[in-house]
Amino acid sequence: MRLGFSPLLPTVAGLLLAALWGLSVFAGWGVEAFCAGDESPSSCSERFGAVSSASALFAAVAAICTLAAWLRREGRAFGFLIGAGLACWVVAEGVLFLGGMLVQS
């Protein structure tokens, strides 16, 4: 089965989502975005850390799927694995965002 697009396109999209997730979790973008209110910064940061841990499960699956896709560069397997990886990155970002909104309130 032949893909109608370059395999680099979903890979770059996955890498950009990974970078956004990594900066949100490890560089403090998430804490800055969701814990900048009147509340105690330490308690909000702890709750956001729990959200980050939940999101990390999806991020790990996404990274594994992306790596597996490139190790198996066959058309159908690559398409399925890279698609699953992108979906997991979107879910990881969604968990981070929705969890951050809950932490904020």
N, C-alpha and C. Protein backbone atom coordinates (compact mmCIF):
# COMPACT_ATOMS: atom_id res chain seq x y z
N MET A 1 0.84 -1.17 0.00
CA MET A 1 0.00 0.00 0.00
C MET A 1 0.89 1.24 0.00
N ARG A 2 0.60 2.15 -0.85
CA ARG A 2 1.41 3.36 -0.99
C ARG A 2 0.69 4.54 -0.33
N LEU A 3 1.44 5.28 0.48
CA LEU A 3 0.87 6.47 1.12
C LEU A 3 0.80 7.60 0.11
N GLY A 4 -0.20 8.46 0.25
CA GLY A 4 -0.36 9.58 -0.66
C GLY A 4 0.40 10.81 -0.24
N PHE A 5 1.23 10.67 0.79
CA PHE A 5 2.00 11.81 1.28
C PHE A 5 3.36 11.30 1.77
N SER A 6 4.25 12.23 1.97
CA SER A 6 5.58 11.87 2.45
C SER A 6 5.50 11.39 3.89
N PRO A 7 6.26 10.36 4.25
CA PRO A 7 6.25 9.91 5.63
C PRO A 7 6.85 10.94 6.59
N LEU A 8 7.55 11.91 6.05
CA LEU A 8 8.11 12.95 6.92
C LEU A 8 7.04 13.88 7.47
N LEU A 9 5.94 14.04 6.76
CA LEU A 9 4.89 14.96 7.20
C LEU A 9 4.30 14.54 8.56
N PRO A 10 3.82 13.30 8.74
CA PRO A 10 3.31 12.94 10.07
C PRO A 10 4.42 12.86 11.12
N THR A 11 5.63 12.56 10.69
CA THR A 11 6.74 12.51 11.64
C THR A 11 7.04 13.90 12.18
N VAL A 12 7.09 14.88 11.32
CA VAL A 12 7.33 16.25 11.77
C VAL A 12 6.19 16.73 12.66
N ALA A 13 4.96 16.39 12.30
CA ALA A 13 3.81 16.76 13.14
C ALA A 13 3.94 16.14 14.53
N GLY A 14 4.34 14.87 14.57
CA GLY A 14 4.54 14.21 15.86
C GLY A 14 5.66 14.84 16.66
N LEU A 15 6.74 15.20 15.98
CA LEU A 15 7.85 15.84 16.69
C LEU A 15 7.47 17.21 17.24
N LEU A 16 6.66 17.95 16.49
CA LEU A 16 6.19 19.25 16.98
C LEU A 16 5.27 19.09 18.19
N LEU A 17 4.38 18.10 18.14
CA LEU A 17 3.53 17.84 19.30
C LEU A 17 4.35 17.38 20.49
N ALA A 18 5.38 16.57 20.24
CA ALA A 18 6.27 16.13 21.31
C ALA A 18 7.01 17.31 21.94
N ALA A 19 7.46 18.22 21.10
CA ALA A 19 8.15 19.41 21.61
C ALA A 19 7.21 20.27 22.46
N LEU A 20 5.99 20.45 22.00
CA LEU A 20 5.01 21.22 22.76
C LEU A 20 4.72 20.56 24.10
N TRP A 21 4.55 19.24 24.08
CA TRP A 21 4.30 18.51 25.32
C TRP A 21 5.50 18.62 26.26
N GLY A 22 6.68 18.41 25.72
CA GLY A 22 7.89 18.48 26.56
C GLY A 22 8.10 19.85 27.18
N LEU A 23 7.88 20.89 26.40
CA LEU A 23 8.03 22.24 26.95
C LEU A 23 6.96 22.54 27.98
N SER A 24 5.76 22.03 27.78
CA SER A 24 4.69 22.25 28.74
C SER A 24 4.97 21.54 30.06
N VAL A 25 5.55 20.37 29.98
CA VAL A 25 5.79 19.58 31.19
C VAL A 25 7.14 19.91 31.84
N PHE A 26 8.21 19.93 31.06
CA PHE A 26 9.54 20.04 31.64
C PHE A 26 10.09 21.46 31.71
N ALA A 27 9.64 22.34 30.84
CA ALA A 27 10.16 23.71 30.84
C ALA A 27 9.26 24.67 31.62
N GLY A 28 8.17 24.16 32.19
CA GLY A 28 7.33 24.99 33.03
C GLY A 28 6.25 25.78 32.32
N TRP A 29 6.06 25.54 31.03
CA TRP A 29 5.02 26.27 30.32
C TRP A 29 3.64 25.96 30.89
N GLY A 30 3.40 24.73 31.26
CA GLY A 30 2.10 24.34 31.80
C GLY A 30 1.84 24.97 33.16
N VAL A 31 2.82 24.96 34.02
CA VAL A 31 2.66 25.58 35.34
C VAL A 31 2.44 27.07 35.18
N GLU A 32 3.16 27.69 34.29
CA GLU A 32 3.00 29.13 34.04
C GLU A 32 1.61 29.44 33.49
N ALA A 33 1.11 28.58 32.64
CA ALA A 33 -0.20 28.83 32.02
C ALA A 33 -1.35 28.60 32.98
N PHE A 34 -1.25 27.58 33.82
CA PHE A 34 -2.41 27.19 34.62
C PHE A 34 -2.29 27.55 36.10
N CYS A 35 -1.12 27.91 36.57
CA CYS A 35 -0.94 28.17 38.01
C CYS A 35 -0.51 29.61 38.28
N ALA A 36 -0.87 30.53 37.45
CA ALA A 36 -0.45 31.92 37.63
C ALA A 36 -1.49 32.76 38.35
N GLY A 37 -2.48 32.14 38.97
CA GLY A 37 -3.55 32.88 39.62
C GLY A 37 -3.21 33.27 41.05
N ASP A 38 -4.27 33.47 41.85
CA ASP A 38 -4.12 33.90 43.24
C ASP A 38 -3.77 32.77 44.19
N GLU A 39 -3.92 31.54 43.74
CA GLU A 39 -3.73 30.38 44.59
C GLU A 39 -2.25 30.16 44.90
N SER A 40 -2.00 29.37 45.93
CA SER A 40 -0.63 29.02 46.31
C SER A 40 0.06 28.29 45.16
N PRO A 41 1.19 28.79 44.70
CA PRO A 41 1.87 28.17 43.56
C PRO A 41 2.31 26.73 43.82
N SER A 42 2.68 26.41 45.06
CA SER A 42 3.18 25.06 45.32
C SER A 42 2.07 24.02 45.24
N SER A 43 0.89 24.31 45.76
CA SER A 43 -0.20 23.33 45.69
C SER A 43 -0.69 23.16 44.25
N CYS A 44 -0.74 24.24 43.50
CA CYS A 44 -1.15 24.15 42.10
C CYS A 44 -0.10 23.37 41.30
N SER A 45 1.16 23.60 41.58
CA SER A 45 2.22 22.88 40.87
C SER A 45 2.17 21.39 41.17
N GLU A 46 1.84 21.03 42.41
CA GLU A 46 1.73 19.61 42.76
C GLU A 46 0.58 18.96 42.00
N ARG A 47 -0.56 19.63 41.94
CA ARG A 47 -1.70 19.08 41.21
C ARG A 47 -1.39 18.99 39.72
N PHE A 48 -0.71 20.00 39.18
CA PHE A 48 -0.34 19.94 37.76
C PHE A 48 0.66 18.82 37.51
N GLY A 49 1.50 18.52 38.49
CA GLY A 49 2.43 17.39 38.36
C GLY A 49 1.69 16.07 38.22
N ALA A 50 0.58 15.92 38.94
CA ALA A 50 -0.23 14.70 38.81
C ALA A 50 -0.85 14.62 37.42
N VAL A 51 -1.31 15.76 36.91
CA VAL A 51 -1.87 15.79 35.55
C VAL A 51 -0.79 15.44 34.53
N SER A 52 0.41 15.97 34.73
CA SER A 52 1.52 15.69 33.82
C SER A 52 1.86 14.20 33.82
N SER A 53 1.78 13.58 34.99
CA SER A 53 2.06 12.14 35.06
C SER A 53 1.04 11.33 34.29
N ALA A 54 -0.23 11.71 34.39
CA ALA A 54 -1.26 11.02 33.63
C ALA A 54 -1.05 11.21 32.13
N SER A 55 -0.68 12.41 31.75
CA SER A 55 -0.43 12.72 30.34
C SER A 55 0.81 11.99 29.83
N ALA A 56 1.76 11.76 30.72
CA ALA A 56 3.01 11.10 30.32
C ALA A 56 2.77 9.67 29.83
N LEU A 57 1.73 9.02 30.33
CA LEU A 57 1.42 7.66 29.86
C LEU A 57 1.10 7.67 28.36
N PHE A 58 0.28 8.63 27.94
CA PHE A 58 -0.05 8.74 26.52
C PHE A 58 1.15 9.19 25.71
N ALA A 59 1.96 10.06 26.28
CA ALA A 59 3.16 10.53 25.57
C ALA A 59 4.15 9.37 25.36
N ALA A 60 4.28 8.50 26.34
CA ALA A 60 5.17 7.35 26.20
C ALA A 60 4.68 6.41 25.10
N VAL A 61 3.38 6.15 25.07
CA VAL A 61 2.81 5.30 24.01
C VAL A 61 3.02 5.95 22.65
N ALA A 62 2.85 7.26 22.59
CA ALA A 62 3.04 7.98 21.32
C ALA A 62 4.49 7.86 20.85
N ALA A 63 5.43 8.03 21.75
CA ALA A 63 6.84 7.92 21.37
C ALA A 63 7.18 6.51 20.90
N ILE A 64 6.64 5.50 21.58
CA ILE A 64 6.89 4.11 21.19
C ILE A 64 6.29 3.82 19.82
N CYS A 65 5.07 4.31 19.58
CA CYS A 65 4.44 4.09 18.27
C CYS A 65 5.23 4.76 17.15
N THR A 66 5.69 5.98 17.40
CA THR A 66 6.46 6.69 16.38
C THR A 66 7.78 5.97 16.08
N LEU A 67 8.45 5.52 17.11
CA LEU A 67 9.70 4.79 16.92
C LEU A 67 9.45 3.47 16.19
N ALA A 68 8.40 2.78 16.59
CA ALA A 68 8.08 1.51 15.93
C ALA A 68 7.72 1.72 14.46
N ALA A 69 7.06 2.83 14.17
CA ALA A 69 6.71 3.12 12.77
C ALA A 69 7.97 3.27 11.92
N TRP A 70 8.96 3.93 12.45
CA TRP A 70 10.19 4.13 11.67
C TRP A 70 11.05 2.88 11.63
N LEU A 71 10.90 2.00 12.61
CA LEU A 71 11.63 0.74 12.55
C LEU A 71 10.99 -0.22 11.54
N ARG A 72 9.68 -0.10 11.36
CA ARG A 72 8.95 -0.90 10.36
C ARG A 72 8.43 0.04 9.30
N ARG A 73 9.23 0.32 8.34
CA ARG A 73 8.87 1.33 7.33
C ARG A 73 8.05 0.76 6.18
N GLU A 74 7.29 -0.28 6.44
CA GLU A 74 6.40 -0.82 5.42
C GLU A 74 5.16 0.07 5.36
N GLY A 75 4.54 0.12 4.20
CA GLY A 75 3.42 1.04 3.98
C GLY A 75 2.28 0.95 4.99
N ARG A 76 1.67 -0.21 5.11
CA ARG A 76 0.50 -0.35 5.98
C ARG A 76 0.89 -0.26 7.46
N ALA A 77 1.95 -0.92 7.86
CA ALA A 77 2.38 -0.87 9.26
C ALA A 77 2.81 0.54 9.64
N PHE A 78 3.55 1.19 8.75
CA PHE A 78 3.99 2.56 9.04
C PHE A 78 2.78 3.48 9.21
N GLY A 79 1.84 3.41 8.30
CA GLY A 79 0.66 4.28 8.36
C GLY A 79 -0.14 4.08 9.64
N PHE A 80 -0.33 2.82 10.03
CA PHE A 80 -1.08 2.55 11.26
C PHE A 80 -0.34 3.05 12.48
N LEU A 81 0.95 2.73 12.58
CA LEU A 81 1.72 3.11 13.77
C LEU A 81 1.92 4.61 13.88
N ILE A 82 2.20 5.28 12.78
CA ILE A 82 2.41 6.73 12.85
C ILE A 82 1.08 7.42 13.17
N GLY A 83 -0.02 6.89 12.64
CA GLY A 83 -1.34 7.43 12.97
C GLY A 83 -1.69 7.25 14.44
N ALA A 84 -1.37 6.07 14.97
CA ALA A 84 -1.61 5.82 16.39
C ALA A 84 -0.74 6.73 17.24
N GLY A 85 0.50 6.95 16.80
CA GLY A 85 1.38 7.85 17.53
C GLY A 85 0.86 9.28 17.56
N LEU A 86 0.39 9.76 16.41
CA LEU A 86 -0.17 11.11 16.36
C LEU A 86 -1.41 11.23 17.22
N ALA A 87 -2.27 10.20 17.18
CA ALA A 87 -3.48 10.23 18.01
C ALA A 87 -3.11 10.26 19.50
N CYS A 88 -2.10 9.50 19.88
CA CYS A 88 -1.68 9.50 21.29
C CYS A 88 -1.08 10.85 21.69
N TRP A 89 -0.34 11.50 20.78
CA TRP A 89 0.18 12.84 21.10
C TRP A 89 -0.96 13.82 21.31
N VAL A 90 -1.99 13.73 20.48
CA VAL A 90 -3.14 14.63 20.63
C VAL A 90 -3.85 14.36 21.96
N VAL A 91 -4.00 13.09 22.32
CA VAL A 91 -4.62 12.76 23.61
C VAL A 91 -3.75 13.24 24.77
N ALA A 92 -2.44 13.08 24.67
CA ALA A 92 -1.54 13.55 25.73
C ALA A 92 -1.66 15.06 25.91
N GLU A 93 -1.72 15.79 24.81
CA GLU A 93 -1.90 17.25 24.89
C GLU A 93 -3.26 17.59 25.47
N GLY A 94 -4.29 16.84 25.07
CA GLY A 94 -5.64 17.09 25.58
C GLY A 94 -5.74 16.84 27.07
N VAL A 95 -5.14 15.75 27.55
CA VAL A 95 -5.13 15.46 28.99
C VAL A 95 -4.41 16.57 29.73
N LEU A 96 -3.31 17.03 29.19
CA LEU A 96 -2.56 18.11 29.82
C LEU A 96 -3.39 19.39 29.88
N PHE A 97 -4.08 19.72 28.79
CA PHE A 97 -4.87 20.94 28.75
C PHE A 97 -6.10 20.85 29.66
N LEU A 98 -6.87 19.76 29.52
CA LEU A 98 -8.07 19.62 30.34
C LEU A 98 -7.72 19.48 31.82
N GLY A 99 -6.67 18.74 32.11
CA GLY A 99 -6.22 18.64 33.50
C GLY A 99 -5.75 19.96 34.03
N GLY A 100 -5.08 20.74 33.21
CA GLY A 100 -4.65 22.07 33.63
C GLY A 100 -5.82 22.98 33.91
N MET A 101 -6.87 22.85 33.12
CA MET A 101 -8.08 23.65 33.36
C MET A 101 -8.72 23.25 34.70
N LEU A 102 -8.71 21.96 35.00
CA LEU A 102 -9.26 21.49 36.29
C LEU A 102 -8.39 21.95 37.46
N VAL A 103 -7.09 21.92 37.27
CA VAL A 103 -6.15 22.37 38.31
C VAL A 103 -6.38 23.85 38.61
N GLN A 104 -6.69 24.60 37.59
CA GLN A 104 -6.85 26.04 37.70
C GLN A 104 -8.07 26.40 38.54
N SER A 105 -9.12 25.61 38.45
CA SER A 105 -10.35 25.97 39.15
C SER A 105 -10.41 25.48 40.57
